[in-house]
Amino acid sequence: MNRSPFPGMDPYLEASWGDIHHRLITYSCDLIQPQLPDDLRARVEERVSVGSPDERRLHLIPDVRVVEKSPRSGRGRNGGGVAVAEPRSQTTKLAKPLLLEYDEPTTEGFIEIRDKGSDRRVVTVIEFLSETNKRPGKDRRKYLQKRKELRRGGVNLVEIDLLRSGRRLPPLSRNGLPPSHQTPYCVLTMRAGQRPLEYFPISLREALPTIPIPLRKTDEDVALDLQAVLQQAYINGRYDDLDYSKPAIPPMETEDAAWAGKMLRPTLKRR
């Protein structure tokens, strides 16, 4: 199975983020698990997110009866009789339904590293950010509240942002970062009991880094090879069928789009 033509994050994978998101979480958990001390366990957990990724609303309306009037009073081409439902009178007043807005619930995964003792204390949480985390609204506010609770509870938090869409979470406003660190992707690590945050900028044009995952203060960090995890998601998901002849969604910035076009030329020629 072919690998992505990009050296690092494939910007075309963002359009299939639901599947990629689940794969990154599962494969990362599998990669971390054998590195953990004997008394720690990595588990994939889920939470319910109310907003759908594209903010579309579902309208619930009662079932309706639709009938088609035959132009020949129910007779087919061969003259045979065909049973046809009679339409309602044109003067019949139709009932008007109440349109209800409905938020389609979705589940979002994340990784928890817990002590296997009786208290099952959470040591570290690893999040691959999704659009709901980065888009203004109820889900973003809930996630930021969860982040505060983890910090207060002395839990390490690692946020991995491989999405170009959406707004960066505080304190990562691009206006507050030096130009050299204003990259489309990044990792933010919040170590328990430490005020300074660790920020890892990730360029579109370079391989994803291997990042340290903090555990307890008495433990050494374990390694998470993001590039290896992404390659596994690409190969196992059989994303070699991506249509690279079209622009990525969302569109790339001008310079990145020009660079991506050069990277894709060999791939497009083979196809």
Protein backbone atom coordinates (compact mmCIF):
# COMPACT_ATOMS: atom_id res chain seq x y z
CA MET A 1 0.00 0.00 0.00
CA ASN A 2 1.41 3.42 -1.00
CA ARG A 3 2.30 6.04 1.56
CA SER A 4 1.31 9.68 1.53
CA PRO A 5 3.27 11.83 -0.93
CA PHE A 6 3.84 14.40 1.83
CA PRO A 7 6.79 14.13 4.25
CA GLY A 8 4.65 15.02 7.26
CA MET A 9 0.96 15.75 7.78
CA ASP A 10 -1.09 15.13 4.65
CA PRO A 11 -3.41 18.18 4.32
CA TYR A 12 -5.87 16.12 2.26
CA LEU A 13 -6.61 13.89 5.26
CA GLU A 14 -8.41 16.72 7.04
CA ALA A 15 -11.51 16.16 4.88
CA SER A 16 -11.74 12.63 6.39
CA TRP A 17 -10.96 13.71 9.94
CA GLY A 18 -13.64 11.58 11.61
CA ASP A 19 -11.90 8.36 10.56
CA ILE A 20 -8.36 9.74 10.88
CA HIS A 21 -9.10 11.06 14.37
CA HIS A 22 -10.18 7.64 15.63
CA ARG A 23 -7.20 5.91 14.03
CA LEU A 24 -4.64 8.36 15.45
CA ILE A 25 -6.03 7.84 18.95
CA THR A 26 -6.10 4.04 18.72
CA TYR A 27 -2.64 3.68 17.17
CA SER A 28 -1.12 6.20 19.60
CA CYS A 29 -2.53 4.28 22.55
CA ASP A 30 -1.06 1.05 21.15
CA LEU A 31 2.34 2.70 20.68
CA ILE A 32 2.43 4.15 24.19
CA GLN A 33 1.15 1.11 26.08
CA PRO A 34 4.31 -1.08 26.06
CA GLN A 35 6.46 1.88 27.18
CA LEU A 36 4.50 2.50 30.38
CA PRO A 37 5.62 1.39 33.85
CA ASP A 38 3.94 -1.81 35.05
CA ASP A 39 1.48 0.06 37.26
CA LEU A 40 0.15 2.41 34.54
CA ARG A 41 -2.34 1.69 31.76
CA ALA A 42 -3.31 3.64 28.62
CA ARG A 43 -6.99 3.52 27.68
CA VAL A 44 -9.07 5.02 24.87
CA GLU A 45 -12.04 6.91 26.35
CA GLU A 46 -14.96 8.74 24.71
CA ARG A 47 -17.13 11.76 25.41
CA VAL A 48 -20.28 12.92 23.67
CA SER A 49 -20.10 16.07 21.56
CA VAL A 50 -23.38 17.79 20.75
CA GLY A 51 -22.51 19.89 17.71
CA SER A 52 -21.99 18.21 14.35
CA PRO A 53 -18.70 19.04 12.62
CA ASP A 54 -20.24 21.28 9.97
CA GLU A 55 -22.81 22.89 12.27
CA ARG A 56 -25.72 21.72 10.17
CA ARG A 57 -29.03 21.22 11.98
CA LEU A 58 -31.45 18.38 11.46
CA HIS A 59 -35.12 19.27 11.13
CA LEU A 60 -37.57 16.72 12.45
CA ILE A 61 -40.93 16.70 10.67
CA PRO A 62 -43.77 14.19 10.61
CA ASP A 63 -43.98 11.61 7.82
CA VAL A 64 -45.89 12.84 4.76
CA ARG A 65 -47.83 10.95 2.12
CA VAL A 66 -46.75 11.71 -1.44
CA VAL A 67 -48.86 10.47 -4.39
CA GLU A 68 -48.34 10.84 -8.10
CA LYS A 69 -51.29 11.44 -10.41
CA SER A 70 -51.20 9.30 -13.53
CA PRO A 71 -51.57 11.34 -16.74
CA ARG A 72 -53.76 8.55 -18.20
CA SER A 73 -56.03 7.91 -15.25
CA GLY A 74 -54.14 4.83 -14.20
CA ARG A 75 -53.82 3.10 -17.59
CA GLY A 76 -50.42 1.90 -18.74
CA ARG A 77 -49.06 1.84 -22.27
CA ASN A 78 -50.54 -1.57 -22.87
CA GLY A 79 -53.98 -0.44 -21.77
CA GLY A 80 -53.93 -2.56 -18.62
CA GLY A 81 -55.49 -1.17 -15.48
CA VAL A 82 -53.11 -0.06 -12.76
CA ALA A 83 -54.16 0.73 -9.16
CA VAL A 84 -53.24 4.33 -8.36
CA ALA A 85 -53.69 6.17 -5.06
CA GLU A 86 -56.10 9.05 -5.47
CA PRO A 87 -54.72 12.50 -4.55
CA ARG A 88 -56.30 14.50 -1.81
CA SER A 89 -58.62 17.35 -2.71
CA GLN A 90 -56.88 20.58 -3.61
CA THR A 91 -59.06 22.36 -1.06
CA THR A 92 -57.84 20.19 1.84
CA LYS A 93 -55.95 22.29 4.35
CA LEU A 94 -52.62 20.62 5.14
CA ALA A 95 -51.37 20.50 8.70
CA LYS A 96 -48.21 22.48 9.36
CA PRO A 97 -45.51 20.66 11.33
CA LEU A 98 -43.41 22.18 14.07
CA LEU A 99 -39.76 22.31 12.99
CA LEU A 100 -37.41 21.26 15.76
CA GLU A 101 -33.69 21.97 15.83
CA TYR A 102 -31.77 18.86 16.74
CA ASP A 103 -28.07 18.62 17.56
CA GLU A 104 -26.75 15.34 16.21
CA PRO A 105 -24.59 13.86 18.98
CA THR A 106 -21.16 12.54 18.03
CA THR A 107 -18.48 10.85 20.11
CA GLU A 108 -14.91 12.06 20.42
CA GLY A 109 -12.09 9.85 21.61
CA PHE A 110 -9.06 10.68 23.74
CA ILE A 111 -6.39 8.76 25.65
CA GLU A 112 -6.16 8.49 29.42
CA ILE A 113 -3.15 7.09 31.23
CA ARG A 114 -4.25 5.83 34.63
CA ASP A 115 -2.73 4.27 37.70
CA LYS A 116 -3.94 0.68 37.82
CA GLY A 117 -4.32 0.84 41.60
CA SER A 118 -7.63 0.96 43.43
CA ASP A 119 -8.05 4.70 42.97
CA ARG A 120 -7.49 4.52 39.17
CA ARG A 121 -6.03 8.04 39.30
CA VAL A 122 -5.67 9.79 35.94
CA VAL A 123 -2.04 10.70 35.32
CA THR A 124 -2.09 12.04 31.74
CA VAL A 125 -4.66 12.89 29.08
CA ILE A 126 -3.75 13.00 25.38
CA GLU A 127 -6.08 14.87 23.02
CA PHE A 128 -6.04 14.99 19.23
CA LEU A 129 -8.05 18.16 18.74
CA SER A 130 -11.15 18.04 16.57
CA GLU A 131 -13.14 20.79 14.85
CA THR A 132 -15.58 21.00 17.76
CA ASN A 133 -12.69 21.94 20.07
CA LYS A 134 -11.53 24.71 17.73
CA ARG A 135 -14.86 26.16 16.61
CA PRO A 136 -16.61 28.80 18.79
CA GLY A 137 -19.58 27.36 20.60
CA LYS A 138 -20.78 25.12 23.38
CA ASP A 139 -18.37 22.25 22.75
CA ARG A 140 -15.32 24.53 22.74
CA ARG A 141 -16.40 26.06 26.05
CA LYS A 142 -16.94 22.59 27.55
CA TYR A 143 -13.50 21.47 26.40
CA LEU A 144 -11.80 24.55 27.86
CA GLN A 145 -13.59 23.89 31.15
CA LYS A 146 -12.35 20.31 31.09
CA ARG A 147 -8.84 21.60 30.48
CA LYS A 148 -9.07 23.80 33.61
CA GLU A 149 -10.32 20.87 35.68
CA LEU A 150 -7.42 18.69 34.56
CA ARG A 151 -4.94 21.40 35.49
CA ARG A 152 -6.53 21.85 38.91
CA GLY A 153 -6.51 18.09 39.43
CA GLY A 154 -2.77 17.75 38.77
CA VAL A 155 -3.20 15.86 35.49
CA ASN A 156 -0.78 16.20 32.56
CA LEU A 157 -2.45 17.27 29.31
CA VAL A 158 -1.02 16.86 25.80
CA GLU A 159 -2.96 18.60 23.01
CA ILE A 160 -2.08 17.60 19.45
CA ASP A 161 -3.48 19.89 16.77
CA LEU A 162 -3.21 18.49 13.24
CA LEU A 163 -6.06 20.59 11.82
CA ARG A 164 -5.58 23.74 9.79
CA SER A 165 -9.23 24.71 10.20
CA GLY A 166 -10.66 26.42 13.26
CA ARG A 167 -9.25 28.83 15.82
CA ARG A 168 -6.28 27.97 18.01
CA LEU A 169 -7.09 27.45 21.66
CA PRO A 170 -5.70 29.92 24.19
CA PRO A 171 -2.97 30.84 24.75
CA LEU A 172 -1.93 29.98 21.17
CA SER A 173 -3.31 32.96 19.30
CA ARG A 174 -1.07 33.52 16.30
CA ASN A 175 -0.67 37.15 17.34
CA GLY A 176 1.10 36.00 20.49
CA LEU A 177 3.62 33.71 18.76
CA PRO A 178 6.84 34.70 16.98
CA PRO A 179 6.62 34.33 13.17
CA SER A 180 8.97 31.34 13.24
CA HIS A 181 6.46 29.44 15.38
CA GLN A 182 3.27 30.32 13.50
CA THR A 183 2.86 26.91 11.91
CA PRO A 184 -0.32 25.16 10.69
CA TYR A 185 0.08 22.33 13.23
CA CYS A 186 1.37 22.14 16.77
CA VAL A 187 1.51 20.30 20.08
CA LEU A 188 0.89 21.94 23.46
CA THR A 189 1.92 20.10 26.63
CA MET A 190 0.73 21.17 30.09
CA ARG A 191 2.70 19.34 32.77
CA ALA A 192 1.07 18.91 36.15
CA GLY A 193 2.33 21.40 38.70
CA GLN A 194 4.35 23.41 36.16
CA ARG A 195 3.28 26.84 35.00
CA PRO A 196 5.31 27.19 31.76
CA LEU A 197 3.70 25.32 28.86
CA GLU A 198 5.66 23.37 26.26
CA TYR A 199 4.88 24.37 22.68
CA PHE A 200 6.01 22.33 19.67
CA PRO A 201 5.43 24.03 16.29
CA ILE A 202 4.89 21.63 13.37
CA SER A 203 5.46 22.68 9.77
CA LEU A 204 3.52 21.30 6.84
CA ARG A 205 6.77 20.64 5.01
CA GLU A 206 8.53 18.51 7.62
CA ALA A 207 7.94 15.11 9.20
CA LEU A 208 5.82 15.10 12.33
CA PRO A 209 7.97 14.99 15.48
CA THR A 210 8.35 12.38 18.17
CA ILE A 211 6.98 14.11 21.25
CA PRO A 212 7.53 13.39 24.96
CA ILE A 213 4.50 12.22 26.93
CA PRO A 214 4.80 13.14 30.62
CA LEU A 215 3.75 10.71 33.34
CA ARG A 216 4.30 11.03 37.10
CA LYS A 217 7.15 13.15 38.41
CA THR A 218 9.05 9.99 39.33
CA ASP A 219 8.71 8.53 35.80
CA GLU A 220 10.66 9.19 32.64
CA ASP A 221 8.69 10.60 29.70
CA VAL A 222 7.59 8.11 27.07
CA ALA A 223 7.83 8.78 23.32
CA LEU A 224 4.99 9.20 20.84
CA ASP A 225 6.17 9.08 17.22
CA LEU A 226 3.46 11.11 15.50
CA GLN A 227 4.80 10.44 12.00
CA ALA A 228 4.70 6.67 12.52
CA VAL A 229 1.14 6.89 13.82
CA LEU A 230 0.04 9.05 10.87
CA GLN A 231 1.63 6.67 8.36
CA GLN A 232 -0.17 3.75 9.96
CA ALA A 233 -3.49 5.63 9.73
CA TYR A 234 -2.85 6.42 6.05
CA ILE A 235 -1.86 2.87 5.12
CA ASN A 236 -4.43 0.97 7.16
CA GLY A 237 -7.16 3.39 6.09
CA ARG A 238 -6.17 2.85 2.44
CA TYR A 239 -6.01 6.56 1.72
CA ASP A 240 -4.01 5.97 -1.44
CA ASP A 241 -7.30 6.68 -3.25
CA LEU A 242 -7.30 10.38 -2.28
CA ASP A 243 -7.93 12.70 -5.22
CA TYR A 244 -4.87 14.95 -5.18
CA SER A 245 -5.89 16.65 -8.43
CA LYS A 246 -8.34 18.83 -6.51
CA PRO A 247 -7.59 21.52 -3.89
CA ALA A 248 -7.34 20.38 -0.30
CA ILE A 249 -10.20 21.13 2.08
CA PRO A 250 -9.82 23.59 3.69
CA PRO A 251 -7.65 25.41 1.13
CA MET A 252 -3.98 25.85 1.92
CA GLU A 253 -2.25 29.21 2.13
CA THR A 254 -0.72 30.38 -1.16
CA GLU A 255 2.91 29.43 -0.48
CA ASP A 256 1.96 26.06 1.02
CA ALA A 257 -0.36 25.33 -1.91
CA ALA A 258 2.46 26.02 -4.38
CA TRP A 259 4.82 23.76 -2.42
CA ALA A 260 2.18 21.02 -2.19
CA GLY A 261 1.66 21.21 -5.96
CA LYS A 262 5.34 20.45 -6.54
CA MET A 263 5.21 17.57 -4.06
CA LEU A 264 2.21 16.07 -5.84
CA ARG A 265 3.54 16.20 -9.40
CA PRO A 266 5.15 12.72 -9.31
CA THR A 267 2.01 11.23 -7.78
CA LEU A 268 -0.30 12.82 -10.36
CA LYS A 269 1.95 11.69 -13.25
CA ARG A 270 1.77 8.06 -12.06
CA ARG A 271 -2.00 8.27 -12.08
